[in-house]
């Protein structure tokens, strides 16, 4: 892109759970701004990653996976995803090419039939899918959605990401940048720290447990020696879950804390003293203040 005109716009990154949306946002930004897990429904709130390509600022709204909601938290997550799509200049639908047109993707395809914005499709994980399957999936989606563009990518491997970023930069509307050049996300350090701890909970614990947990940053102190002291609590719904998070002799909580501390230090660029404790709250997902803390709107 040789045009020197400044450009800035919003791209809603939507898709089914575990399509690779957060991995793609991180790859486009060039550093980690969204937590990543092989487990589905990891992203909960709309989080914006800010990518820069020459004179363009691409504001990537990483949304929760769109799925069939069963409880209030689920409804808030799905509302955040569709809200992100409604506010964007362009919708980027990320599809796990290996999973193909499964039930979750079919629901999204149906919902996008009468869209108001340009639609691009990124077929992700192409490094593990054979070409005939890719071409068939692309043809089926093109026939049903008539997207403006289709990209073949592997967000994890970086394949096709630079071409997608270049195209997004050119597609952004003309106008001044909306954020300073050195910002990579609209999330506060406090929110990111809580998410990085939750990432460790999700990745280290049993498959079903992470979705019954939330992490709150209770206090934050920047010390004169340049370090930061953070106290966080991990909320679970039952005593049995608390025991799992703590582990034998506190071993699991210690491992979660060690992993989270390393990630938070990498994000902040300074020494971090992280203190974690676990609390049982059977109805934490009915607490409005927690929704505000994790960046979600209350869903009736």
Protein backbone atom coordinates (compact mmCIF):
# COMPACT_ATOMS: atom_id res chain seq x y z
CA UNK A 1 0.00 0.00 0.00
CA UNK A 2 1.60 3.27 -1.14
CA UNK A 3 -1.23 5.68 -0.36
CA UNK A 4 -0.09 8.08 2.41
CA UNK A 5 -3.63 8.97 3.45
CA UNK A 6 -4.29 8.07 7.10
CA UNK A 7 -6.95 5.44 7.61
CA UNK A 8 -8.66 3.95 10.65
CA UNK A 9 -11.58 1.59 11.08
CA UNK A 10 -13.15 -1.17 13.11
CA UNK A 11 -13.09 -4.85 12.14
CA UNK A 12 -15.37 -7.22 14.07
CA UNK A 13 -13.68 -10.62 14.30
CA UNK A 14 -16.50 -13.12 14.78
CA UNK A 15 -16.91 -16.87 14.58
CA UNK A 16 -17.81 -20.02 16.43
CA UNK A 17 -15.97 -20.97 19.63
CA UNK A 18 -12.40 -22.16 19.06
CA UNK A 19 -12.21 -20.87 15.47
CA UNK A 20 -8.92 -19.13 16.27
CA UNK A 21 -10.16 -15.54 16.52
CA UNK A 22 -7.89 -14.50 19.41
CA UNK A 23 -4.87 -16.17 17.84
CA UNK A 24 -5.54 -14.23 14.64
CA UNK A 25 -5.98 -10.91 16.46
CA UNK A 26 -2.66 -11.45 18.26
CA UNK A 27 -0.95 -12.31 14.96
CA UNK A 28 -2.32 -9.20 13.22
CA UNK A 29 -1.36 -6.92 16.13
CA UNK A 30 2.09 -8.49 16.34
CA UNK A 31 1.94 -9.24 20.08
CA UNK A 32 -0.32 -10.88 22.62
CA UNK A 33 -3.41 -8.83 23.48
CA UNK A 34 -6.00 -11.62 23.77
CA UNK A 35 -5.76 -14.82 25.79
CA UNK A 36 -5.52 -18.04 23.81
CA UNK A 37 -6.57 -21.57 24.68
CA UNK A 38 -7.35 -24.76 22.77
CA UNK A 39 -10.56 -24.90 24.81
CA UNK A 40 -13.68 -23.31 23.38
CA UNK A 41 -15.40 -20.16 24.70
CA UNK A 42 -12.22 -18.72 26.23
CA UNK A 43 -12.87 -15.12 25.14
CA UNK A 44 -15.68 -13.58 27.18
CA UNK A 45 -15.81 -9.85 26.44
CA UNK A 46 -15.17 -7.65 23.46
CA UNK A 47 -11.49 -6.79 23.50
CA UNK A 48 -9.89 -4.59 20.89
CA UNK A 49 -6.47 -5.21 19.45
CA UNK A 50 -4.89 -2.35 17.51
CA UNK A 51 -2.87 -3.29 14.44
CA UNK A 52 -0.88 -0.82 12.36
CA UNK A 53 0.09 -1.23 8.73
CA UNK A 54 1.86 1.78 7.22
CA UNK A 55 -0.68 4.65 7.42
CA UNK A 56 -3.62 2.49 8.50
CA UNK A 57 -4.82 1.74 12.02
CA UNK A 58 -6.90 -1.45 12.11
CA UNK A 59 -9.04 -1.72 15.23
CA UNK A 60 -9.72 -5.44 15.64
CA UNK A 61 -12.63 -6.24 17.93
CA UNK A 62 -11.98 -9.76 19.22
CA UNK A 63 -15.42 -11.04 20.18
CA UNK A 64 -16.59 -14.07 22.18
CA UNK A 65 -17.45 -17.11 20.12
CA UNK A 66 -21.05 -17.18 18.95
CA UNK A 67 -22.84 -20.21 20.33
CA UNK A 68 -26.24 -21.22 21.71
CA UNK A 69 -26.54 -19.45 25.10
CA UNK A 70 -27.83 -21.35 28.13
CA UNK A 71 -27.34 -18.94 31.05
CA UNK A 72 -26.94 -15.23 31.71
CA UNK A 73 -23.16 -15.21 31.16
CA UNK A 74 -23.63 -17.00 27.84
CA UNK A 75 -26.24 -14.46 26.73
CA UNK A 76 -23.95 -11.57 27.64
CA UNK A 77 -21.08 -13.13 25.67
CA UNK A 78 -23.18 -13.71 22.54
CA UNK A 79 -24.64 -10.19 22.80
CA UNK A 80 -21.09 -8.80 22.99
CA UNK A 81 -20.16 -10.70 19.83
CA UNK A 82 -23.11 -9.49 17.77
CA UNK A 83 -22.75 -6.00 19.24
CA UNK A 84 -19.19 -5.90 18.00
CA UNK A 85 -20.34 -6.87 14.53
CA UNK A 86 -23.00 -4.17 14.52
CA UNK A 87 -20.53 -1.42 15.38
CA UNK A 88 -17.88 -2.35 12.82
CA UNK A 89 -16.88 -1.05 9.39
CA UNK A 90 -16.20 -4.61 8.28
CA UNK A 91 -17.02 -8.10 9.55
CA UNK A 92 -14.29 -10.74 9.46
CA UNK A 93 -15.79 -14.20 9.91
CA UNK A 94 -13.15 -16.68 11.07
CA UNK A 95 -13.96 -20.32 10.40
CA UNK A 96 -12.08 -23.38 11.55
CA UNK A 97 -11.55 -25.00 8.15
CA UNK A 98 -10.92 -28.38 9.76
CA UNK A 99 -14.30 -28.30 11.54
CA UNK A 100 -16.07 -26.99 8.45
CA UNK A 101 -19.77 -26.15 8.38
CA UNK A 102 -20.72 -27.57 11.75
CA UNK A 103 -23.87 -26.61 13.68
CA UNK A 104 -22.28 -23.55 15.32
CA UNK A 105 -21.05 -22.19 11.99
CA UNK A 106 -24.40 -22.88 10.32
CA UNK A 107 -26.15 -20.70 12.93
CA UNK A 108 -23.75 -17.83 12.22
CA UNK A 109 -24.12 -18.20 8.46
CA UNK A 110 -27.89 -17.98 8.79
CA UNK A 111 -27.61 -14.86 10.96
CA UNK A 112 -25.34 -13.14 8.42
CA UNK A 113 -27.74 -13.52 5.48
CA UNK A 114 -29.15 -10.02 6.05
CA UNK A 115 -26.07 -8.13 7.23
CA UNK A 116 -25.45 -4.41 7.00
CA UNK A 117 -21.66 -4.42 6.60
CA UNK A 118 -19.04 -5.78 4.18
CA UNK A 119 -18.16 -9.39 5.00
CA UNK A 120 -14.78 -11.09 4.66
CA UNK A 121 -14.15 -14.73 5.48
CA UNK A 122 -10.89 -16.15 6.83
CA UNK A 123 -10.66 -19.93 6.58
CA UNK A 124 -8.29 -20.72 9.43
CA UNK A 125 -6.07 -23.74 10.23
CA UNK A 126 -5.45 -24.40 6.53
CA UNK A 127 -2.12 -26.00 7.45
CA UNK A 128 -3.98 -29.11 8.65
CA UNK A 129 -6.68 -29.31 5.96
CA UNK A 130 -6.36 -30.85 2.51
CA UNK A 131 -6.87 -28.56 -0.49
CA UNK A 132 -10.02 -30.23 -1.92
CA UNK A 133 -11.83 -29.77 1.41
CA UNK A 134 -10.71 -26.13 1.57
CA UNK A 135 -11.89 -25.38 -1.94
CA UNK A 136 -15.24 -27.06 -1.31
CA UNK A 137 -15.76 -25.12 1.92
CA UNK A 138 -14.83 -21.86 0.23
CA UNK A 139 -17.24 -22.52 -2.63
CA UNK A 140 -20.10 -23.40 -0.27
CA UNK A 141 -19.60 -20.27 1.84
CA UNK A 142 -19.25 -18.06 -1.23
CA UNK A 143 -22.52 -19.37 -2.63
CA UNK A 144 -24.42 -18.84 0.62
CA UNK A 145 -22.93 -15.56 1.90
CA UNK A 146 -21.46 -13.87 -1.18
CA UNK A 147 -18.56 -12.43 0.86
CA UNK A 148 -16.46 -9.58 -0.47
CA UNK A 149 -13.22 -11.55 0.07
CA UNK A 150 -12.11 -15.00 1.19
CA UNK A 151 -8.67 -15.66 2.71
CA UNK A 152 -6.88 -18.93 3.45
CA UNK A 153 -4.81 -18.57 6.62
CA UNK A 154 -3.17 -20.32 9.52
CA UNK A 155 -3.19 -17.82 12.37
CA UNK A 156 -1.03 -20.05 14.56
CA UNK A 157 1.62 -20.54 11.86
CA UNK A 158 1.37 -17.04 10.38
CA UNK A 159 0.46 -18.35 6.94
CA UNK A 160 -1.53 -15.79 4.92
CA UNK A 161 -1.69 -13.33 7.84
CA UNK A 162 0.43 -10.63 6.20
CA UNK A 163 -1.75 -10.69 3.06
CA UNK A 164 -4.88 -10.38 5.20
CA UNK A 165 -3.36 -7.49 7.17
CA UNK A 166 -2.40 -5.67 3.97
CA UNK A 167 -5.93 -6.06 2.59
CA UNK A 168 -7.51 -4.87 5.85
CA UNK A 169 -5.25 -1.81 5.88
CA UNK A 170 -6.37 -0.86 2.39
CA UNK A 171 -10.04 -1.40 3.27
CA UNK A 172 -10.10 0.94 6.26
CA UNK A 173 -11.96 4.23 5.72
CA UNK A 174 -9.95 7.41 5.36
CA UNK A 175 -9.62 9.42 8.54
CA UNK A 176 -7.30 10.19 11.47
CA UNK A 177 -6.08 7.46 13.79
CA UNK A 178 -8.29 6.93 16.82
CA UNK A 179 -5.61 5.71 19.26
CA UNK A 180 -1.97 6.65 19.96
CA UNK A 181 0.60 4.80 17.89
CA UNK A 182 2.03 2.91 20.87
CA UNK A 183 -1.28 1.45 22.09
CA UNK A 184 -2.01 -2.15 21.16
CA UNK A 185 -5.32 -2.65 23.02
CA UNK A 186 -8.19 -0.71 24.56
CA UNK A 187 -8.21 -2.95 27.64
CA UNK A 188 -6.78 -1.62 30.91
CA UNK A 189 -3.74 -3.28 32.47
CA UNK A 190 -6.00 -4.33 35.34
CA UNK A 191 -8.37 -6.14 32.97
CA UNK A 192 -5.55 -7.76 31.00
CA UNK A 193 -3.89 -8.98 34.22
CA UNK A 194 -7.14 -10.68 35.26
CA UNK A 195 -7.50 -12.24 31.81
CA UNK A 196 -3.93 -13.54 31.84
CA UNK A 197 -4.58 -15.25 35.16
CA UNK A 198 -7.83 -16.70 33.81
CA UNK A 199 -5.88 -18.00 30.81
CA UNK A 200 -3.76 -20.06 33.21
CA UNK A 201 -6.90 -21.35 34.95
CA UNK A 202 -8.44 -22.35 31.62
CA UNK A 203 -5.31 -24.07 30.33
CA UNK A 204 -4.26 -25.85 33.53
CA UNK A 205 -7.56 -27.20 34.83
CA UNK A 206 -10.23 -29.73 33.92
CA UNK A 207 -12.20 -29.04 30.75
CA UNK A 208 -15.48 -28.11 32.46
CA UNK A 209 -14.13 -26.13 35.40
CA UNK A 210 -12.84 -22.95 33.68
CA UNK A 211 -16.31 -21.85 32.62
CA UNK A 212 -17.40 -21.85 36.26
CA UNK A 213 -14.65 -19.38 37.20
CA UNK A 214 -13.90 -15.69 36.95
CA UNK A 215 -10.85 -13.69 38.06
CA UNK A 216 -11.15 -10.32 39.78
CA UNK A 217 -8.27 -7.91 40.37
CA UNK A 218 -8.92 -6.74 43.93
CA UNK A 219 -6.01 -4.35 44.40
CA UNK A 220 -3.13 -2.90 42.38
CA UNK A 221 -0.12 -1.03 43.74
CA UNK A 222 2.73 0.42 41.67
CA UNK A 223 5.71 0.62 44.03
CA UNK A 224 8.52 3.18 44.03
CA UNK A 225 11.04 0.44 43.17
CA UNK A 226 9.29 -0.01 39.80
CA UNK A 227 7.49 -3.24 40.68
CA UNK A 228 3.74 -3.85 40.89
CA UNK A 229 1.83 -5.71 43.61
CA UNK A 230 -1.41 -7.33 42.42
CA UNK A 231 -3.99 -9.16 44.52
CA UNK A 232 -6.55 -11.22 42.62
CA UNK A 233 -9.30 -13.62 43.59
CA UNK A 234 -10.49 -16.59 41.57
CA UNK A 235 -14.23 -17.09 42.02
CA UNK A 236 -15.71 -20.57 41.67
CA UNK A 237 -19.24 -21.89 42.21
CA UNK A 238 -18.65 -24.83 44.58
CA UNK A 239 -16.31 -26.02 47.35
CA UNK A 240 -15.29 -28.99 45.21
CA UNK A 241 -14.13 -26.59 42.48
CA UNK A 242 -12.16 -24.59 45.03
CA UNK A 243 -10.29 -27.74 45.99
CA UNK A 244 -9.45 -28.41 42.34
CA UNK A 245 -8.10 -24.88 41.79
CA UNK A 246 -5.97 -25.00 44.94
CA UNK A 247 -4.67 -28.52 44.33
CA UNK A 248 -2.86 -30.81 46.73
CA UNK A 249 -0.89 -28.70 49.20
CA UNK A 250 -1.66 -25.62 47.11
CA UNK A 251 0.35 -26.97 44.17
CA UNK A 252 -2.15 -26.08 41.42
CA UNK A 253 -2.76 -22.54 42.65
CA UNK A 254 1.01 -22.05 42.88
CA UNK A 255 1.43 -23.21 39.27
CA UNK A 256 -1.40 -20.94 38.09
CA UNK A 257 0.19 -18.02 39.90
CA UNK A 258 3.64 -18.71 38.47
CA UNK A 259 2.34 -18.89 34.91
CA UNK A 260 0.18 -15.80 35.31
CA UNK A 261 2.97 -13.79 36.91
CA UNK A 262 5.29 -14.47 33.97
CA UNK A 263 2.63 -13.40 31.45
CA UNK A 264 1.73 -10.25 33.41
CA UNK A 265 5.40 -9.29 33.79
CA UNK A 266 5.86 -9.72 30.03
CA UNK A 267 2.83 -7.51 29.40
CA UNK A 268 3.79 -4.76 31.87
CA UNK A 269 7.53 -4.92 31.29
CA UNK A 270 8.36 -4.87 35.01
CA UNK A 271 8.58 -7.09 38.09
CA UNK A 272 5.24 -8.28 39.45
CA UNK A 273 4.29 -9.64 42.87
CA UNK A 274 1.09 -11.62 42.33
CA UNK A 275 -1.07 -12.92 45.16
CA UNK A 276 -4.01 -15.24 44.42
CA UNK A 277 -6.76 -16.66 46.57
CA UNK A 278 -9.84 -18.71 45.75
CA UNK A 279 -13.36 -17.87 46.92
CA UNK A 280 -16.64 -19.76 46.55
CA UNK A 281 -19.56 -17.72 45.24
CA UNK A 282 -22.34 -19.95 43.85
CA UNK A 283 -24.00 -16.99 42.12
CA UNK A 284 -21.05 -14.96 40.86
CA UNK A 285 -22.54 -15.00 37.36
CA UNK A 286 -25.55 -13.08 38.74
CA UNK A 287 -23.39 -10.24 40.12
CA UNK A 288 -23.61 -7.08 37.99
CA UNK A 289 -20.29 -5.74 39.32
CA UNK A 290 -18.44 -8.78 37.99
CA UNK A 291 -19.88 -8.24 34.53
CA UNK A 292 -18.56 -4.66 34.63
CA UNK A 293 -15.17 -5.96 35.82
CA UNK A 294 -14.81 -8.33 32.85
CA UNK A 295 -16.21 -5.86 30.33
CA UNK A 296 -19.63 -7.37 29.62
CA UNK A 297 -23.05 -5.79 29.56
CA UNK A 298 -25.72 -7.22 31.89
CA UNK A 299 -27.93 -9.56 29.85
CA UNK A 300 -31.58 -10.04 30.84
